Amino acid sequence: MSPAAARRVRAGRGTVEVHRPDKVLFPAKKAAGQVTKGDLVDYYRAVAPCLLPHLRGRPLMLERHPDGIDGPVFMQKNTPAHYPDRITRVELPKEGGTVRHTVCDDTATLLHLAGQAALTLHRWLSRADRPHHPDRMVFDLDPGVDDFGTVREAAVLLGELLDLLRLPSG
């Protein structure tokens, strides 16, 4: 592979090699410019301190867009054998067998996932060591057609209820 086709990025004590960093993942729309794989790596690196506490120790299902947001998409549960050995994996049961999920415990793993065009990181609501004991809950408030006012109102009411029940939210 030619030197221009890959970019090496420092992450903690290691280095992540990102292939095709100029590959466009999000084409330019209106005033917003395009976003490349290299841009995604830079973004994940910048938000890693805030994002990693929410991912650490949790199995992931990855939504990957290898040809960008307008191309085919697939969901990846099983960690491919070619992923670096330093990436944490956890083998968990499923109907008829097991799945070896990726666990994102550090910035290097996060940057590797960006290099794989993993645009959405669906984390489990439980930790890998206690898969049948979720410690998170998600309230998915979807708007009707352009009805964000109702969603905002529902979110405020939900926040007040969680406060009343002394359940942390945020």
N, C-alpha and C. Protein backbone atom coordinates (compact mmCIF):
# COMPACT_ATOMS: atom_id res chain seq x y z
N MET A 1 0.86 -1.18 0.00
CA MET A 1 0.00 0.00 0.00
C MET A 1 0.90 1.23 0.00
N SER A 2 0.60 2.18 -0.80
CA SER A 2 1.43 3.38 -0.91
C SER A 2 1.32 4.22 0.35
N PRO A 3 2.38 5.00 0.70
CA PRO A 3 2.36 5.81 1.90
C PRO A 3 1.18 6.78 1.95
N ALA A 4 0.75 7.30 0.79
CA ALA A 4 -0.36 8.25 0.77
C ALA A 4 -1.70 7.58 1.06
N ALA A 5 -1.75 6.25 0.97
CA ALA A 5 -3.00 5.53 1.16
C ALA A 5 -3.29 5.24 2.62
N ALA A 6 -2.35 5.52 3.52
CA ALA A 6 -2.55 5.23 4.94
C ALA A 6 -2.01 6.39 5.77
N ARG A 7 -2.56 6.52 6.96
CA ARG A 7 -2.14 7.56 7.90
C ARG A 7 -1.94 6.89 9.26
N ARG A 8 -0.86 7.19 9.91
CA ARG A 8 -0.58 6.64 11.25
C ARG A 8 -0.98 7.69 12.28
N VAL A 9 -1.74 7.27 13.28
CA VAL A 9 -2.26 8.18 14.30
C VAL A 9 -1.87 7.64 15.66
N ARG A 10 -1.24 8.50 16.47
CA ARG A 10 -0.88 8.12 17.85
C ARG A 10 -2.14 8.06 18.69
N ALA A 11 -2.20 7.03 19.52
CA ALA A 11 -3.33 6.86 20.44
C ALA A 11 -2.79 6.20 21.70
N GLY A 12 -2.66 6.98 22.76
CA GLY A 12 -2.08 6.44 23.99
C GLY A 12 -0.65 6.01 23.73
N ARG A 13 -0.33 4.77 24.09
CA ARG A 13 1.03 4.25 23.89
C ARG A 13 1.22 3.62 22.52
N GLY A 14 0.15 3.53 21.76
CA GLY A 14 0.23 2.85 20.48
C GLY A 14 -0.03 3.76 19.30
N THR A 15 -0.04 3.14 18.14
CA THR A 15 -0.30 3.83 16.89
C THR A 15 -1.34 3.03 16.12
N VAL A 16 -2.27 3.75 15.50
CA VAL A 16 -3.31 3.13 14.69
C VAL A 16 -3.06 3.53 13.24
N GLU A 17 -3.09 2.56 12.35
CA GLU A 17 -2.93 2.85 10.93
C GLU A 17 -4.32 2.94 10.31
N VAL A 18 -4.60 4.08 9.70
CA VAL A 18 -5.90 4.34 9.07
C VAL A 18 -5.69 4.30 7.56
N HIS A 19 -6.31 3.33 6.93
CA HIS A 19 -6.20 3.19 5.48
C HIS A 19 -7.23 4.07 4.80
N ARG A 20 -6.83 4.69 3.70
CA ARG A 20 -7.68 5.55 2.89
C ARG A 20 -8.33 6.67 3.72
N PRO A 21 -7.53 7.48 4.42
CA PRO A 21 -8.09 8.54 5.26
C PRO A 21 -8.84 9.61 4.47
N ASP A 22 -8.59 9.72 3.17
CA ASP A 22 -9.29 10.71 2.36
C ASP A 22 -10.62 10.21 1.81
N LYS A 23 -10.98 8.98 2.13
CA LYS A 23 -12.26 8.42 1.66
C LYS A 23 -13.41 9.24 2.25
N VAL A 24 -14.31 9.69 1.39
CA VAL A 24 -15.44 10.51 1.83
C VAL A 24 -16.51 9.60 2.44
N LEU A 25 -16.86 9.87 3.70
CA LEU A 25 -17.92 9.12 4.37
C LEU A 25 -19.24 9.88 4.31
N PHE A 26 -19.16 11.19 4.46
CA PHE A 26 -20.34 12.06 4.37
C PHE A 26 -20.07 13.08 3.27
N PRO A 27 -20.75 12.94 2.11
CA PRO A 27 -20.54 13.93 1.04
C PRO A 27 -21.04 15.31 1.47
N ALA A 28 -20.53 16.34 0.81
CA ALA A 28 -20.93 17.71 1.13
C ALA A 28 -22.42 17.90 0.89
N LYS A 29 -23.07 18.51 1.84
CA LYS A 29 -24.50 18.85 1.75
C LYS A 29 -24.65 20.32 2.11
N LYS A 30 -25.23 21.08 1.23
CA LYS A 30 -25.49 22.51 1.45
C LYS A 30 -24.26 23.21 2.00
N ALA A 31 -24.39 23.89 3.14
CA ALA A 31 -23.28 24.68 3.67
C ALA A 31 -22.22 23.81 4.35
N ALA A 32 -22.61 22.62 4.79
CA ALA A 32 -21.66 21.75 5.49
C ALA A 32 -20.74 21.08 4.47
N GLY A 33 -19.47 20.98 4.80
CA GLY A 33 -18.52 20.33 3.90
C GLY A 33 -18.55 18.82 4.06
N GLN A 34 -17.80 18.17 3.20
CA GLN A 34 -17.73 16.71 3.28
C GLN A 34 -16.94 16.28 4.51
N VAL A 35 -17.16 15.04 4.93
CA VAL A 35 -16.43 14.47 6.07
C VAL A 35 -15.75 13.21 5.57
N THR A 36 -14.44 13.13 5.77
CA THR A 36 -13.66 11.97 5.34
C THR A 36 -13.43 11.03 6.52
N LYS A 37 -12.88 9.87 6.20
CA LYS A 37 -12.53 8.91 7.24
C LYS A 37 -11.49 9.53 8.19
N GLY A 38 -10.56 10.30 7.64
CA GLY A 38 -9.58 10.99 8.48
C GLY A 38 -10.23 11.98 9.42
N ASP A 39 -11.26 12.68 8.93
CA ASP A 39 -12.01 13.61 9.79
C ASP A 39 -12.70 12.85 10.92
N LEU A 40 -13.27 11.68 10.60
CA LEU A 40 -13.94 10.87 11.62
C LEU A 40 -12.94 10.42 12.68
N VAL A 41 -11.76 10.00 12.25
CA VAL A 41 -10.70 9.61 13.20
C VAL A 41 -10.36 10.79 14.11
N ASP A 42 -10.19 11.98 13.54
CA ASP A 42 -9.87 13.16 14.34
C ASP A 42 -10.99 13.48 15.33
N TYR A 43 -12.23 13.34 14.89
CA TYR A 43 -13.38 13.61 15.76
C TYR A 43 -13.43 12.59 16.91
N TYR A 44 -13.32 11.30 16.59
CA TYR A 44 -13.35 10.27 17.64
C TYR A 44 -12.21 10.50 18.64
N ARG A 45 -11.05 10.91 18.14
CA ARG A 45 -9.92 11.17 19.03
C ARG A 45 -10.23 12.34 19.97
N ALA A 46 -10.87 13.39 19.42
CA ALA A 46 -11.21 14.57 20.22
C ALA A 46 -12.26 14.26 21.29
N VAL A 47 -13.23 13.41 20.97
CA VAL A 47 -14.31 13.13 21.93
C VAL A 47 -14.03 11.90 22.79
N ALA A 48 -12.92 11.22 22.56
CA ALA A 48 -12.60 10.00 23.32
C ALA A 48 -12.71 10.17 24.84
N PRO A 49 -12.19 11.25 25.43
CA PRO A 49 -12.30 11.38 26.89
C PRO A 49 -13.75 11.39 27.39
N CYS A 50 -14.65 11.92 26.59
CA CYS A 50 -16.07 11.96 26.98
C CYS A 50 -16.81 10.68 26.60
N LEU A 51 -16.42 10.08 25.48
CA LEU A 51 -17.13 8.92 24.95
C LEU A 51 -16.72 7.61 25.62
N LEU A 52 -15.44 7.42 25.87
CA LEU A 52 -14.94 6.14 26.39
C LEU A 52 -15.60 5.69 27.69
N PRO A 53 -15.87 6.58 28.66
CA PRO A 53 -16.54 6.10 29.87
C PRO A 53 -17.91 5.44 29.60
N HIS A 54 -18.55 5.80 28.49
CA HIS A 54 -19.84 5.23 28.16
C HIS A 54 -19.70 3.91 27.39
N LEU A 55 -18.53 3.65 26.84
CA LEU A 55 -18.30 2.44 26.05
C LEU A 55 -17.51 1.38 26.80
N ARG A 56 -16.62 1.82 27.66
CA ARG A 56 -15.67 0.92 28.32
C ARG A 56 -16.38 -0.25 29.00
N GLY A 57 -15.90 -1.45 28.69
CA GLY A 57 -16.41 -2.66 29.33
C GLY A 57 -17.72 -3.17 28.76
N ARG A 58 -18.22 -2.54 27.69
CA ARG A 58 -19.52 -2.92 27.13
C ARG A 58 -19.36 -3.51 25.72
N PRO A 59 -20.02 -4.64 25.46
CA PRO A 59 -19.99 -5.18 24.10
C PRO A 59 -20.62 -4.18 23.12
N LEU A 60 -20.12 -4.21 21.89
CA LEU A 60 -20.62 -3.30 20.86
C LEU A 60 -21.20 -4.06 19.68
N MET A 61 -22.17 -3.42 19.05
CA MET A 61 -22.62 -3.80 17.72
C MET A 61 -22.33 -2.56 16.87
N LEU A 62 -21.61 -2.75 15.79
CA LEU A 62 -21.14 -1.63 14.98
C LEU A 62 -21.97 -1.47 13.72
N GLU A 63 -22.36 -0.23 13.43
CA GLU A 63 -23.01 0.09 12.16
C GLU A 63 -21.92 0.64 11.26
N ARG A 64 -21.57 -0.16 10.23
CA ARG A 64 -20.44 0.22 9.36
C ARG A 64 -20.92 0.64 7.99
N HIS A 65 -20.26 1.69 7.48
CA HIS A 65 -20.55 2.26 6.16
C HIS A 65 -19.25 2.33 5.37
N PRO A 66 -18.73 1.20 4.88
CA PRO A 66 -17.41 1.22 4.23
C PRO A 66 -17.33 2.10 2.98
N ASP A 67 -18.45 2.35 2.32
CA ASP A 67 -18.46 3.22 1.14
C ASP A 67 -19.13 4.56 1.44
N GLY A 68 -19.17 4.94 2.69
CA GLY A 68 -19.78 6.21 3.07
C GLY A 68 -21.27 6.05 3.36
N ILE A 69 -21.86 7.12 3.85
CA ILE A 69 -23.24 7.12 4.32
C ILE A 69 -24.24 6.81 3.20
N ASP A 70 -23.87 7.10 1.96
CA ASP A 70 -24.78 6.83 0.84
C ASP A 70 -24.61 5.43 0.26
N GLY A 71 -23.63 4.67 0.74
CA GLY A 71 -23.38 3.32 0.23
C GLY A 71 -24.04 2.27 1.10
N PRO A 72 -23.74 1.01 0.83
CA PRO A 72 -24.31 -0.08 1.63
C PRO A 72 -23.87 0.02 3.09
N VAL A 73 -24.73 -0.44 3.96
CA VAL A 73 -24.46 -0.45 5.40
C VAL A 73 -24.61 -1.88 5.91
N PHE A 74 -23.84 -2.22 6.92
CA PHE A 74 -24.06 -3.52 7.56
C PHE A 74 -23.79 -3.40 9.05
N MET A 75 -24.42 -4.29 9.79
CA MET A 75 -24.26 -4.34 11.24
C MET A 75 -23.25 -5.43 11.55
N GLN A 76 -22.26 -5.10 12.35
CA GLN A 76 -21.21 -6.06 12.70
C GLN A 76 -21.26 -6.36 14.18
N LYS A 77 -21.54 -7.60 14.51
CA LYS A 77 -21.48 -8.03 15.91
C LYS A 77 -20.18 -8.77 16.18
N ASN A 78 -19.83 -9.71 15.32
CA ASN A 78 -18.65 -10.54 15.50
C ASN A 78 -17.38 -9.76 15.17
N THR A 79 -16.42 -9.79 16.05
CA THR A 79 -15.13 -9.12 15.81
C THR A 79 -14.35 -9.92 14.77
N PRO A 80 -13.98 -9.31 13.67
CA PRO A 80 -13.21 -10.03 12.65
C PRO A 80 -11.85 -10.48 13.18
N ALA A 81 -11.36 -11.60 12.67
CA ALA A 81 -10.07 -12.15 13.11
C ALA A 81 -8.92 -11.19 12.78
N HIS A 82 -9.07 -10.35 11.76
CA HIS A 82 -7.97 -9.45 11.36
C HIS A 82 -7.84 -8.22 12.25
N TYR A 83 -8.76 -7.99 13.20
CA TYR A 83 -8.61 -6.86 14.11
C TYR A 83 -7.35 -7.09 14.96
N PRO A 84 -6.66 -6.01 15.32
CA PRO A 84 -5.44 -6.17 16.13
C PRO A 84 -5.71 -6.91 17.44
N ASP A 85 -4.72 -7.69 17.87
CA ASP A 85 -4.85 -8.47 19.10
C ASP A 85 -5.08 -7.60 20.32
N ARG A 86 -4.63 -6.34 20.29
CA ARG A 86 -4.78 -5.46 21.45
C ARG A 86 -6.22 -5.06 21.71
N ILE A 87 -7.12 -5.28 20.73
CA ILE A 87 -8.53 -4.92 20.90
C ILE A 87 -9.23 -5.97 21.75
N THR A 88 -9.91 -5.51 22.79
CA THR A 88 -10.63 -6.40 23.70
C THR A 88 -11.83 -7.01 23.00
N ARG A 89 -12.03 -8.31 23.24
CA ARG A 89 -13.17 -9.03 22.71
C ARG A 89 -13.84 -9.77 23.86
N VAL A 90 -15.14 -10.00 23.71
CA VAL A 90 -15.84 -10.80 24.71
C VAL A 90 -16.77 -11.76 23.97
N GLU A 91 -16.68 -13.02 24.34
CA GLU A 91 -17.51 -14.05 23.72
C GLU A 91 -18.76 -14.24 24.56
N LEU A 92 -19.92 -14.03 23.94
CA LEU A 92 -21.19 -14.10 24.66
C LEU A 92 -22.14 -15.05 23.94
N PRO A 93 -23.00 -15.71 24.72
CA PRO A 93 -23.91 -16.68 24.08
C PRO A 93 -24.98 -16.01 23.24
N LYS A 94 -25.40 -16.72 22.22
CA LYS A 94 -26.54 -16.32 21.39
C LYS A 94 -27.26 -17.63 21.04
N GLU A 95 -28.44 -17.51 20.53
CA GLU A 95 -29.18 -18.71 20.15
C GLU A 95 -28.37 -19.51 19.14
N GLY A 96 -28.05 -20.74 19.50
CA GLY A 96 -27.32 -21.62 18.59
C GLY A 96 -25.82 -21.42 18.57
N GLY A 97 -25.26 -20.66 19.49
CA GLY A 97 -23.81 -20.47 19.50
C GLY A 97 -23.36 -19.30 20.33
N THR A 98 -22.32 -18.63 19.84
CA THR A 98 -21.77 -17.47 20.55
C THR A 98 -21.42 -16.39 19.53
N VAL A 99 -21.22 -15.20 20.06
CA VAL A 99 -20.76 -14.06 19.27
C VAL A 99 -19.58 -13.45 20.01
N ARG A 100 -18.53 -13.10 19.26
CA ARG A 100 -17.35 -12.46 19.86
C ARG A 100 -17.44 -10.97 19.55
N HIS A 101 -17.95 -10.21 20.53
CA HIS A 101 -18.15 -8.77 20.36
C HIS A 101 -16.85 -8.00 20.63
N THR A 102 -16.72 -6.87 19.95
CA THR A 102 -15.66 -5.92 20.24
C THR A 102 -16.05 -5.11 21.47
N VAL A 103 -15.07 -4.82 22.32
CA VAL A 103 -15.26 -3.96 23.47
C VAL A 103 -14.27 -2.80 23.31
N CYS A 104 -14.78 -1.58 23.36
CA CYS A 104 -13.93 -0.39 23.15
C CYS A 104 -13.50 0.16 24.51
N ASP A 105 -12.29 -0.22 24.91
CA ASP A 105 -11.77 0.19 26.22
C ASP A 105 -10.77 1.33 26.16
N ASP A 106 -10.36 1.74 24.96
CA ASP A 106 -9.30 2.76 24.88
C ASP A 106 -9.40 3.53 23.56
N THR A 107 -8.64 4.61 23.50
CA THR A 107 -8.66 5.49 22.34
C THR A 107 -8.17 4.77 21.09
N ALA A 108 -7.17 3.92 21.20
CA ALA A 108 -6.66 3.20 20.03
C ALA A 108 -7.76 2.35 19.40
N THR A 109 -8.55 1.68 20.21
CA THR A 109 -9.66 0.87 19.67
C THR A 109 -10.68 1.77 19.01
N LEU A 110 -11.00 2.89 19.64
CA LEU A 110 -11.97 3.82 19.08
C LEU A 110 -11.50 4.32 17.71
N LEU A 111 -10.23 4.64 17.58
CA LEU A 111 -9.69 5.13 16.30
C LEU A 111 -9.67 4.01 15.27
N HIS A 112 -9.39 2.79 15.70
CA HIS A 112 -9.45 1.66 14.77
C HIS A 112 -10.87 1.51 14.22
N LEU A 113 -11.87 1.63 15.08
CA LEU A 113 -13.26 1.51 14.64
C LEU A 113 -13.62 2.63 13.66
N ALA A 114 -13.11 3.83 13.89
CA ALA A 114 -13.32 4.93 12.94
C ALA A 114 -12.69 4.57 11.60
N GLY A 115 -11.52 3.98 11.63
CA GLY A 115 -10.84 3.56 10.41
C GLY A 115 -11.59 2.47 9.66
N GLN A 116 -12.46 1.77 10.37
CA GLN A 116 -13.30 0.74 9.76
C GLN A 116 -14.64 1.31 9.31
N ALA A 117 -14.78 2.63 9.36
CA ALA A 117 -16.02 3.33 9.00
C ALA A 117 -17.19 2.88 9.86
N ALA A 118 -16.91 2.66 11.15
CA ALA A 118 -17.97 2.37 12.13
C ALA A 118 -18.56 3.72 12.56
N LEU A 119 -19.69 4.08 11.97
CA LEU A 119 -20.26 5.40 12.21
C LEU A 119 -21.16 5.44 13.44
N THR A 120 -21.77 4.31 13.77
CA THR A 120 -22.61 4.25 14.96
C THR A 120 -22.13 3.09 15.81
N LEU A 121 -21.85 3.37 17.08
CA LEU A 121 -21.38 2.36 18.02
C LEU A 121 -22.52 2.05 18.98
N HIS A 122 -23.22 0.96 18.72
CA HIS A 122 -24.33 0.57 19.58
C HIS A 122 -23.77 -0.22 20.76
N ARG A 123 -23.75 0.41 21.91
CA ARG A 123 -23.21 -0.27 23.10
C ARG A 123 -24.34 -1.01 23.81
N TRP A 124 -23.98 -2.08 24.45
CA TRP A 124 -24.94 -2.81 25.26
C TRP A 124 -25.30 -1.96 26.48
N LEU A 125 -26.45 -2.24 27.04
CA LEU A 125 -26.88 -1.55 28.26
C LEU A 125 -26.32 -2.25 29.50
N SER A 126 -25.62 -3.34 29.30
CA SER A 126 -24.97 -4.07 30.39
C SER A 126 -23.48 -4.19 30.06
N ARG A 127 -22.73 -4.55 31.07
CA ARG A 127 -21.29 -4.72 30.90
C ARG A 127 -20.99 -6.16 30.47
N ALA A 128 -19.84 -6.31 29.83
CA ALA A 128 -19.44 -7.62 29.32
C ALA A 128 -19.36 -8.68 30.41
N ASP A 129 -18.97 -8.28 31.63
CA ASP A 129 -18.83 -9.26 32.71
C ASP A 129 -20.16 -9.57 33.41
N ARG A 130 -21.22 -8.83 33.06
CA ARG A 130 -22.56 -9.08 33.63
C ARG A 130 -23.61 -8.85 32.53
N PRO A 131 -23.56 -9.65 31.48
CA PRO A 131 -24.40 -9.37 30.31
C PRO A 131 -25.90 -9.45 30.56
N HIS A 132 -26.31 -10.14 31.60
CA HIS A 132 -27.75 -10.28 31.89
C HIS A 132 -28.22 -9.33 32.99
N HIS A 133 -27.39 -8.32 33.30
CA HIS A 133 -27.72 -7.36 34.35
C HIS A 133 -27.49 -5.93 33.85
N PRO A 134 -28.39 -5.41 33.04
CA PRO A 134 -28.20 -4.05 32.52
C PRO A 134 -28.15 -3.02 33.64
N ASP A 135 -27.29 -2.02 33.46
CA ASP A 135 -27.18 -0.93 34.43
C ASP A 135 -27.45 0.42 33.75
N ARG A 136 -27.99 0.38 32.54
CA ARG A 136 -28.38 1.58 31.80
C ARG A 136 -29.78 1.36 31.23
N MET A 137 -30.46 2.48 30.97
CA MET A 137 -31.77 2.44 30.34
C MET A 137 -31.81 3.58 29.32
N VAL A 138 -32.44 3.31 28.19
CA VAL A 138 -32.54 4.32 27.13
C VAL A 138 -34.01 4.60 26.88
N PHE A 139 -34.35 5.88 26.83
CA PHE A 139 -35.69 6.31 26.45
C PHE A 139 -35.57 6.91 25.05
N ASP A 140 -36.15 6.25 24.09
CA ASP A 140 -36.05 6.67 22.69
C ASP A 140 -37.27 7.51 22.35
N LEU A 141 -37.10 8.82 22.33
CA LEU A 141 -38.20 9.75 22.07
C LEU A 141 -38.12 10.21 20.62
N ASP A 142 -38.88 9.57 19.76
CA ASP A 142 -38.87 9.91 18.33
C ASP A 142 -40.00 10.86 18.01
N PRO A 143 -39.68 11.91 17.26
CA PRO A 143 -40.72 12.87 16.88
C PRO A 143 -41.58 12.34 15.74
N GLY A 144 -42.80 12.86 15.67
CA GLY A 144 -43.60 12.65 14.47
C GLY A 144 -42.99 13.54 13.40
N VAL A 145 -43.67 13.72 12.31
CA VAL A 145 -43.15 14.54 11.23
C VAL A 145 -42.94 15.97 11.74
N ASP A 146 -41.67 16.36 11.84
CA ASP A 146 -41.30 17.73 12.26
C ASP A 146 -42.01 18.19 13.52
N ASP A 147 -42.15 17.29 14.50
CA ASP A 147 -42.86 17.64 15.74
C ASP A 147 -41.90 17.56 16.93
N PHE A 148 -40.85 18.37 16.89
CA PHE A 148 -39.87 18.35 17.95
C PHE A 148 -40.38 19.01 19.23
N GLY A 149 -41.37 19.85 19.13
CA GLY A 149 -41.94 20.48 20.33
C GLY A 149 -42.48 19.44 21.29
N THR A 150 -43.19 18.46 20.78
CA THR A 150 -43.74 17.39 21.61
C THR A 150 -42.62 16.55 22.23
N VAL A 151 -41.57 16.30 21.45
CA VAL A 151 -40.44 15.53 21.97
C VAL A 151 -39.74 16.29 23.09
N ARG A 152 -39.53 17.59 22.90
CA ARG A 152 -38.91 18.40 23.97
C ARG A 152 -39.76 18.38 25.23
N GLU A 153 -41.07 18.52 25.08
CA GLU A 153 -41.97 18.48 26.23
C GLU A 153 -41.90 17.13 26.93
N ALA A 154 -41.90 16.04 26.16
CA ALA A 154 -41.80 14.70 26.74
C ALA A 154 -40.46 14.53 27.47
N ALA A 155 -39.39 15.05 26.90
CA ALA A 155 -38.07 14.94 27.53
C ALA A 155 -38.03 15.68 28.86
N VAL A 156 -38.61 16.86 28.91
CA VAL A 156 -38.65 17.63 30.16
C VAL A 156 -39.46 16.88 31.21
N LEU A 157 -40.62 16.38 30.82
CA LEU A 157 -41.46 15.62 31.76
C LEU A 157 -40.75 14.36 32.24
N LEU A 158 -40.08 13.66 31.34
CA LEU A 158 -39.33 12.46 31.72
C LEU A 158 -38.21 12.82 32.69
N GLY A 159 -37.50 13.91 32.42
CA GLY A 159 -36.44 14.35 33.33
C GLY A 159 -36.98 14.66 34.71
N GLU A 160 -38.14 15.33 34.78
CA GLU A 160 -38.77 15.64 36.07
C GLU A 160 -39.16 14.37 36.81
N LEU A 161 -39.69 13.38 36.08
CA LEU A 161 -40.07 12.11 36.70
C LEU A 161 -38.85 11.40 37.25
N LEU A 162 -37.77 11.35 36.48
CA LEU A 162 -36.54 10.69 36.94
C LEU A 162 -35.98 11.40 38.16
N ASP A 163 -36.04 12.74 38.18
CA ASP A 163 -35.61 13.50 39.36
C ASP A 163 -36.45 13.13 40.56
N LEU A 164 -37.76 13.07 40.37
CA LEU A 164 -38.69 12.72 41.46
C LEU A 164 -38.38 11.35 42.01
N LEU A 165 -38.01 10.42 41.12
CA LEU A 165 -37.69 9.04 41.54
C LEU A 165 -36.24 8.91 42.00
N ARG A 166 -35.52 10.03 41.96
CA ARG A 166 -34.09 10.06 42.35
C ARG A 166 -33.25 9.09 41.53
N LEU A 167 -33.56 9.04 40.23
CA LEU A 167 -32.77 8.24 39.31
C LEU A 167 -31.89 9.18 38.50
N PRO A 168 -30.59 8.90 38.43
CA PRO A 168 -29.69 9.78 37.68
C PRO A 168 -30.02 9.72 36.19
N SER A 169 -29.89 10.85 35.54
CA SER A 169 -30.11 10.91 34.09
C SER A 169 -29.10 11.85 33.48
N GLY A 170 -28.99 11.77 32.17
CA GLY A 170 -28.08 12.70 31.51
C GLY A 170 -27.21 12.05 30.51
